[in-house]
PDB file of N, CA and C in Angstrom:
ATOM      1  N   MET A   1      32.770 -29.202  -9.760  1.00  0.00           N
ATOM      2  CA  MET A   1      31.529 -29.157  -9.028  1.00  0.00           C
ATOM      3  C   MET A   1      30.551 -30.132  -9.680  1.00  0.00           C
ATOM      4  N   SER A   2      29.861 -30.893  -8.857  1.00  0.00           N
ATOM      5  CA  SER A   2      28.929 -31.884  -9.397  1.00  0.00           C
ATOM      6  C   SER A   2      27.647 -31.198  -9.863  1.00  0.00           C
ATOM      7  N   ASN A   3      26.899 -31.927 -10.652  1.00  0.00           N
ATOM      8  CA  ASN A   3      25.648 -31.406 -11.198  1.00  0.00           C
ATOM      9  C   ASN A   3      24.666 -31.066 -10.074  1.00  0.00           C
ATOM     10  N   LYS A   4      24.661 -31.893  -9.012  1.00  0.00           N
ATOM     11  CA  LYS A   4      23.768 -31.644  -7.883  1.00  0.00           C
ATOM     12  C   LYS A   4      24.106 -30.320  -7.197  1.00  0.00           C
ATOM     13  N   ARG A   5      25.389 -30.032  -7.067  1.00  0.00           N
ATOM     14  CA  ARG A   5      25.810 -28.768  -6.452  1.00  0.00           C
ATOM     15  C   ARG A   5      25.334 -27.571  -7.270  1.00  0.00           C
ATOM     16  N   TYR A   6      25.438 -27.684  -8.605  1.00  0.00           N
ATOM     17  CA  TYR A   6      24.964 -26.599  -9.470  1.00  0.00           C
ATOM     18  C   TYR A   6      23.459 -26.389  -9.287  1.00  0.00           C
ATOM     19  N   GLU A   7      22.708 -27.471  -9.193  1.00  0.00           N
ATOM     20  CA  GLU A   7      21.261 -27.378  -9.015  1.00  0.00           C
ATOM     21  C   GLU A   7      20.926 -26.724  -7.674  1.00  0.00           C
ATOM     22  N   GLU A   8      21.644 -27.096  -6.618  1.00  0.00           N
ATOM     23  CA  GLU A   8      21.419 -26.497  -5.304  1.00  0.00           C
ATOM     24  C   GLU A   8      21.731 -24.999  -5.330  1.00  0.00           C
ATOM     25  N   ARG A   9      22.857 -24.664  -5.960  1.00  0.00           N
ATOM     26  CA  ARG A   9      23.236 -23.254  -6.062  1.00  0.00           C
ATOM     27  C   ARG A   9      22.188 -22.468  -6.830  1.00  0.00           C
ATOM     28  N   ASP A  10      21.719 -23.013  -7.952  1.00  0.00           N
ATOM     29  CA  ASP A  10      20.720 -22.328  -8.767  1.00  0.00           C
ATOM     30  C   ASP A  10      19.404 -22.154  -8.007  1.00  0.00           C
ATOM     31  N   ALA A  11      19.034 -23.167  -7.219  1.00  0.00           N
ATOM     32  CA  ALA A  11      17.803 -23.075  -6.431  1.00  0.00           C
ATOM     33  C   ALA A  11      17.933 -21.983  -5.369  1.00  0.00           C
ATOM     34  N   ILE A  12      19.084 -21.909  -4.730  1.00  0.00           N
ATOM     35  CA  ILE A  12      19.319 -20.879  -3.713  1.00  0.00           C
ATOM     36  C   ILE A  12      19.313 -19.489  -4.351  1.00  0.00           C
ATOM     37  N   LEU A  13      19.962 -19.338  -5.481  1.00  0.00           N
ATOM     38  CA  LEU A  13      19.979 -18.040  -6.168  1.00  0.00           C
ATOM     39  C   LEU A  13      18.579 -17.622  -6.604  1.00  0.00           C
ATOM     40  N   ALA A  14      17.760 -18.590  -7.025  1.00  0.00           N
ATOM     41  CA  ALA A  14      16.385 -18.281  -7.423  1.00  0.00           C
ATOM     42  C   ALA A  14      15.584 -17.808  -6.212  1.00  0.00           C
ATOM     43  N   LYS A  15      15.777 -18.456  -5.063  1.00  0.00           N
ATOM     44  CA  LYS A  15      15.075 -18.026  -3.845  1.00  0.00           C
ATOM     45  C   LYS A  15      15.507 -16.626  -3.429  1.00  0.00           C
ATOM     46  N   ILE A  16      16.793 -16.361  -3.523  1.00  0.00           N
ATOM     47  CA  ILE A  16      17.303 -15.031  -3.175  1.00  0.00           C
ATOM     48  C   ILE A  16      16.659 -13.976  -4.071  1.00  0.00           C
ATOM     49  N   GLU A  17      16.526 -14.256  -5.331  1.00  0.00           N
ATOM     50  CA  GLU A  17      15.922 -13.304  -6.265  1.00  0.00           C
ATOM     51  C   GLU A  17      14.457 -13.038  -5.906  1.00  0.00           C
ATOM     52  N   VAL A  18      13.721 -14.090  -5.547  1.00  0.00           N
ATOM     53  CA  VAL A  18      12.317 -13.926  -5.155  1.00  0.00           C
ATOM     54  C   VAL A  18      12.225 -13.098  -3.881  1.00  0.00           C
ATOM     55  N   PHE A  19      13.066 -13.403  -2.889  1.00  0.00           N
ATOM     56  CA  PHE A  19      13.046 -12.664  -1.634  1.00  0.00           C
ATOM     57  C   PHE A  19      13.441 -11.198  -1.828  1.00  0.00           C
ATOM     58  N   GLN A  20      14.374 -10.938  -2.719  1.00  0.00           N
ATOM     59  CA  GLN A  20      14.765  -9.553  -2.975  1.00  0.00           C
ATOM     60  C   GLN A  20      13.619  -8.770  -3.620  1.00  0.00           C
ATOM     61  N   ALA A  21      12.897  -9.410  -4.537  1.00  0.00           N
ATOM     62  CA  ALA A  21      11.752  -8.742  -5.161  1.00  0.00           C
ATOM     63  C   ALA A  21      10.670  -8.464  -4.117  1.00  0.00           C
ATOM     64  N   HIS A  22      10.453  -9.414  -3.222  1.00  0.00           N
ATOM     65  CA  HIS A  22       9.462  -9.219  -2.165  1.00  0.00           C
ATOM     66  C   HIS A  22       9.893  -8.100  -1.220  1.00  0.00           C
ATOM     67  N   LEU A  23      11.158  -8.048  -0.898  1.00  0.00           N
ATOM     68  CA  LEU A  23      11.684  -6.987  -0.031  1.00  0.00           C
ATOM     69  C   LEU A  23      11.479  -5.615  -0.667  1.00  0.00           C
ATOM     70  N   GLU A  24      11.729  -5.490  -1.948  1.00  0.00           N
ATOM     71  CA  GLU A  24      11.528  -4.211  -2.638  1.00  0.00           C
ATOM     72  C   GLU A  24      10.059  -3.791  -2.590  1.00  0.00           C
ATOM     73  N   LEU A  25       9.154  -4.753  -2.738  1.00  0.00           N
ATOM     74  CA  LEU A  25       7.728  -4.457  -2.639  1.00  0.00           C
ATOM     75  C   LEU A  25       7.383  -3.964  -1.236  1.00  0.00           C
ATOM     76  N   LEU A  26       7.909  -4.624  -0.215  1.00  0.00           N
ATOM     77  CA  LEU A  26       7.641  -4.211   1.159  1.00  0.00           C
ATOM     78  C   LEU A  26       8.227  -2.841   1.473  1.00  0.00           C
ATOM     79  N   LYS A  27       9.361  -2.507   0.882  1.00  0.00           N
ATOM     80  CA  LYS A  27       9.963  -1.194   1.112  1.00  0.00           C
ATOM     81  C   LYS A  27       9.059  -0.073   0.594  1.00  0.00           C
ATOM     82  N   ARG A  28       8.277  -0.348  -0.453  1.00  0.00           N
ATOM     83  CA  ARG A  28       7.401   0.671  -1.033  1.00  0.00           C
ATOM     84  C   ARG A  28       6.011   0.687  -0.390  1.00  0.00           C
ATOM     85  N   THR A  29       5.752  -0.223   0.541  1.00  0.00           N
ATOM     86  CA  THR A  29       4.453  -0.313   1.187  1.00  0.00           C
ATOM     87  C   THR A  29       4.353   0.727   2.303  1.00  0.00           C
ATOM     88  N   ASN A  30       3.248   1.434   2.334  1.00  0.00           N
ATOM     89  CA  ASN A  30       2.998   2.429   3.371  1.00  0.00           C
ATOM     90  C   ASN A  30       1.750   2.002   4.140  1.00  0.00           C
ATOM     91  N   VAL A  31       1.932   1.563   5.368  1.00  0.00           N
ATOM     92  CA  VAL A  31       0.835   1.066   6.189  1.00  0.00           C
ATOM     93  C   VAL A  31      -0.215   2.148   6.416  1.00  0.00           C
ATOM     94  N   LEU A  32       0.201   3.390   6.537  1.00  0.00           N
ATOM     95  CA  LEU A  32      -0.752   4.468   6.780  1.00  0.00           C
ATOM     96  C   LEU A  32      -1.721   4.643   5.617  1.00  0.00           C
ATOM     97  N   ASN A  33      -1.277   4.392   4.401  1.00  0.00           N
ATOM     98  CA  ASN A  33      -2.186   4.481   3.254  1.00  0.00           C
ATOM     99  C   ASN A  33      -3.283   3.438   3.339  1.00  0.00           C
ATOM    100  N   ASP A  34      -2.977   2.269   3.879  1.00  0.00           N
ATOM    101  CA  ASP A  34      -3.991   1.227   4.034  1.00  0.00           C
ATOM    102  C   ASP A  34      -4.916   1.530   5.213  1.00  0.00           C
ATOM    103  N   ALA A  35      -4.371   2.083   6.278  1.00  0.00           N
ATOM    104  CA  ALA A  35      -5.166   2.350   7.474  1.00  0.00           C
ATOM    105  C   ALA A  35      -6.008   3.618   7.343  1.00  0.00           C
ATOM    106  N   PHE A  36      -5.479   4.639   6.690  1.00  0.00           N
ATOM    107  CA  PHE A  36      -6.153   5.933   6.582  1.00  0.00           C
ATOM    108  C   PHE A  36      -6.122   6.434   5.147  1.00  0.00           C
ATOM    109  N   PRO A  37      -6.945   5.861   4.274  1.00  0.00           N
ATOM    110  CA  PRO A  37      -6.944   6.333   2.885  1.00  0.00           C
ATOM    111  C   PRO A  37      -7.414   7.789   2.798  1.00  0.00           C
ATOM    112  N   ILE A  38      -6.580   8.621   2.233  1.00  0.00           N
ATOM    113  CA  ILE A  38      -6.899  10.041   2.073  1.00  0.00           C
ATOM    114  C   ILE A  38      -7.233  10.272   0.604  1.00  0.00           C
ATOM    115  N   TRP A  39      -8.379  10.869   0.357  1.00  0.00           N
ATOM    116  CA  TRP A  39      -8.856  11.028  -1.006  1.00  0.00           C
ATOM    117  C   TRP A  39      -9.669  12.309  -1.072  1.00  0.00           C
ATOM    118  N   HIS A  40     -10.302  12.575  -2.169  1.00  0.00           N
ATOM    119  CA  HIS A  40     -11.210  13.710  -2.268  1.00  0.00           C
ATOM    120  C   HIS A  40     -12.586  13.190  -2.643  1.00  0.00           C
ATOM    121  N   ASP A  41     -13.588  13.900  -2.161  1.00  0.00           N
ATOM    122  CA  ASP A  41     -14.976  13.536  -2.425  1.00  0.00           C
ATOM    123  C   ASP A  41     -15.669  14.808  -2.910  1.00  0.00           C
ATOM    124  N   GLY A  42     -15.614  15.023  -4.210  1.00  0.00           N
ATOM    125  CA  GLY A  42     -16.167  16.255  -4.767  1.00  0.00           C
ATOM    126  C   GLY A  42     -15.326  17.443  -4.343  1.00  0.00           C
ATOM    127  N   GLU A  43     -15.953  18.370  -3.630  1.00  0.00           N
ATOM    128  CA  GLU A  43     -15.282  19.591  -3.185  1.00  0.00           C
ATOM    129  C   GLU A  43     -14.447  19.388  -1.921  1.00  0.00           C
ATOM    130  N   PHE A  44     -14.577  18.241  -1.286  1.00  0.00           N
ATOM    131  CA  PHE A  44     -14.001  18.030   0.036  1.00  0.00           C
ATOM    132  C   PHE A  44     -12.925  16.952   0.037  1.00  0.00           C
ATOM    133  N   GLY A  45     -12.030  17.099   1.011  1.00  0.00           N
ATOM    134  CA  GLY A  45     -11.102  16.011   1.285  1.00  0.00           C
ATOM    135  C   GLY A  45     -11.813  14.960   2.110  1.00  0.00           C
ATOM    136  N   ALA A  46     -11.296  13.740   2.085  1.00  0.00           N
ATOM    137  CA  ALA A  46     -11.912  12.666   2.861  1.00  0.00           C
ATOM    138  C   ALA A  46     -10.820  11.749   3.403  1.00  0.00           C
ATOM    139  N   ILE A  47     -10.996  11.339   4.649  1.00  0.00           N
ATOM    140  CA  ILE A  47     -10.128  10.341   5.262  1.00  0.00           C
ATOM    141  C   ILE A  47     -11.037   9.212   5.725  1.00  0.00           C
ATOM    142  N   ASN A  48     -10.769   8.008   5.282  1.00  0.00           N
ATOM    143  CA  ASN A  48     -11.619   6.853   5.598  1.00  0.00           C
ATOM    144  C   ASN A  48     -13.079   7.117   5.230  1.00  0.00           C
ATOM    145  N   ASN A  49     -13.301   7.782   4.127  1.00  0.00           N
ATOM    146  CA  ASN A  49     -14.626   8.135   3.614  1.00  0.00           C
ATOM    147  C   ASN A  49     -15.383   9.131   4.494  1.00  0.00           C
ATOM    148  N   PHE A  50     -14.710   9.787   5.429  1.00  0.00           N
ATOM    149  CA  PHE A  50     -15.323  10.830   6.221  1.00  0.00           C
ATOM    150  C   PHE A  50     -14.947  12.181   5.632  1.00  0.00           C
ATOM    151  N   GLN A  51     -15.969  12.978   5.346  1.00  0.00           N
ATOM    152  CA  GLN A  51     -15.786  14.282   4.716  1.00  0.00           C
ATOM    153  C   GLN A  51     -15.101  15.252   5.666  1.00  0.00           C
ATOM    154  N   LEU A  52     -14.172  16.022   5.129  1.00  0.00           N
ATOM    155  CA  LEU A  52     -13.473  17.044   5.901  1.00  0.00           C
ATOM    156  C   LEU A  52     -13.952  18.413   5.452  1.00  0.00           C
ATOM    157  N   GLY A  53     -14.507  19.186   6.364  1.00  0.00           N
ATOM    158  CA  GLY A  53     -14.918  20.542   6.054  1.00  0.00           C
ATOM    159  C   GLY A  53     -16.326  20.625   5.511  1.00  0.00           C
ATOM    160  N   GLN A  54     -16.749  21.852   5.230  1.00  0.00           N
ATOM    161  CA  GLN A  54     -18.061  22.100   4.651  1.00  0.00           C
ATOM    162  C   GLN A  54     -18.062  23.445   3.947  1.00  0.00           C
ATOM    163  N   LEU A  55     -19.022  23.631   3.091  1.00  0.00           N
ATOM    164  CA  LEU A  55     -19.223  24.897   2.390  1.00  0.00           C
ATOM    165  C   LEU A  55     -20.629  25.396   2.716  1.00  0.00           C
ATOM    166  N   PRO A  56     -20.849  26.704   2.681  1.00  0.00           N
ATOM    167  CA  PRO A  56     -22.174  27.249   3.040  1.00  0.00           C
ATOM    168  C   PRO A  56     -23.319  26.676   2.196  1.00  0.00           C
ATOM    169  N   LYS A  57     -23.063  26.405   0.937  1.00  0.00           N
ATOM    170  CA  LYS A  57     -24.139  25.945   0.052  1.00  0.00           C
ATOM    171  C   LYS A  57     -24.221  24.427  -0.063  1.00  0.00           C
ATOM    172  N   ILE A  58     -23.309  23.717   0.556  1.00  0.00           N
ATOM    173  CA  ILE A  58     -23.310  22.258   0.475  1.00  0.00           C
ATOM    174  C   ILE A  58     -23.448  21.697   1.886  1.00  0.00           C
ATOM    175  N   LEU A  59     -24.489  20.877   2.056  1.00  0.00           N
ATOM    176  CA  LEU A  59     -24.737  20.295   3.370  1.00  0.00           C
ATOM    177  C   LEU A  59     -23.726  19.189   3.676  1.00  0.00           C
ATOM    178  N   VAL A  60     -23.420  19.039   4.949  1.00  0.00           N
ATOM    179  CA  VAL A  60     -22.519  17.968   5.388  1.00  0.00           C
ATOM    180  C   VAL A  60     -23.320  16.680   5.430  1.00  0.00           C
ATOM    181  N   ARG A  61     -22.798  15.627   4.804  1.00  0.00           N
ATOM    182  CA  ARG A  61     -23.495  14.337   4.799  1.00  0.00           C
ATOM    183  C   ARG A  61     -23.514  13.705   6.175  1.00  0.00           C
ATOM    184  N   ASN A  62     -22.443  13.860   6.938  1.00  0.00           N
ATOM    185  CA  ASN A  62     -22.312  13.247   8.251  1.00  0.00           C
ATOM    186  C   ASN A  62     -22.215  14.344   9.303  1.00  0.00           C
ATOM    187  N   PRO A  63     -23.327  14.849   9.788  1.00  0.00           N
ATOM    188  CA  PRO A  63     -23.269  15.988  10.709  1.00  0.00           C
ATOM    189  C   PRO A  63     -22.563  15.664  12.038  1.00  0.00           C
ATOM    190  N   SER A  64     -22.359  14.402  12.348  1.00  0.00           N
ATOM    191  CA  SER A  64     -21.704  14.058  13.606  1.00  0.00           C
ATOM    192  C   SER A  64     -20.215  14.327  13.565  1.00  0.00           C
ATOM    193  N   LEU A  65     -19.671  14.617  12.400  1.00  0.00           N
ATOM    194  CA  LEU A  65     -18.229  14.835  12.298  1.00  0.00           C
ATOM    195  C   LEU A  65     -17.902  16.288  12.458  1.00  0.00           C
TER     196      LEU A  65
END
């Protein structure tokens, strides 16, 4: 095998390795986490920074919800 063939093979193998790493990253990506971040805000759960629920002694910040 000529030196040029080895270089071509090595370049292809390097690209395959990069694409495989990118594929693994995409497999772990959850679109719903980006679209609807679910978190907590003090005593309450929150989706997209909107408070879920209320307590008698704590006023709701966004009464329209």
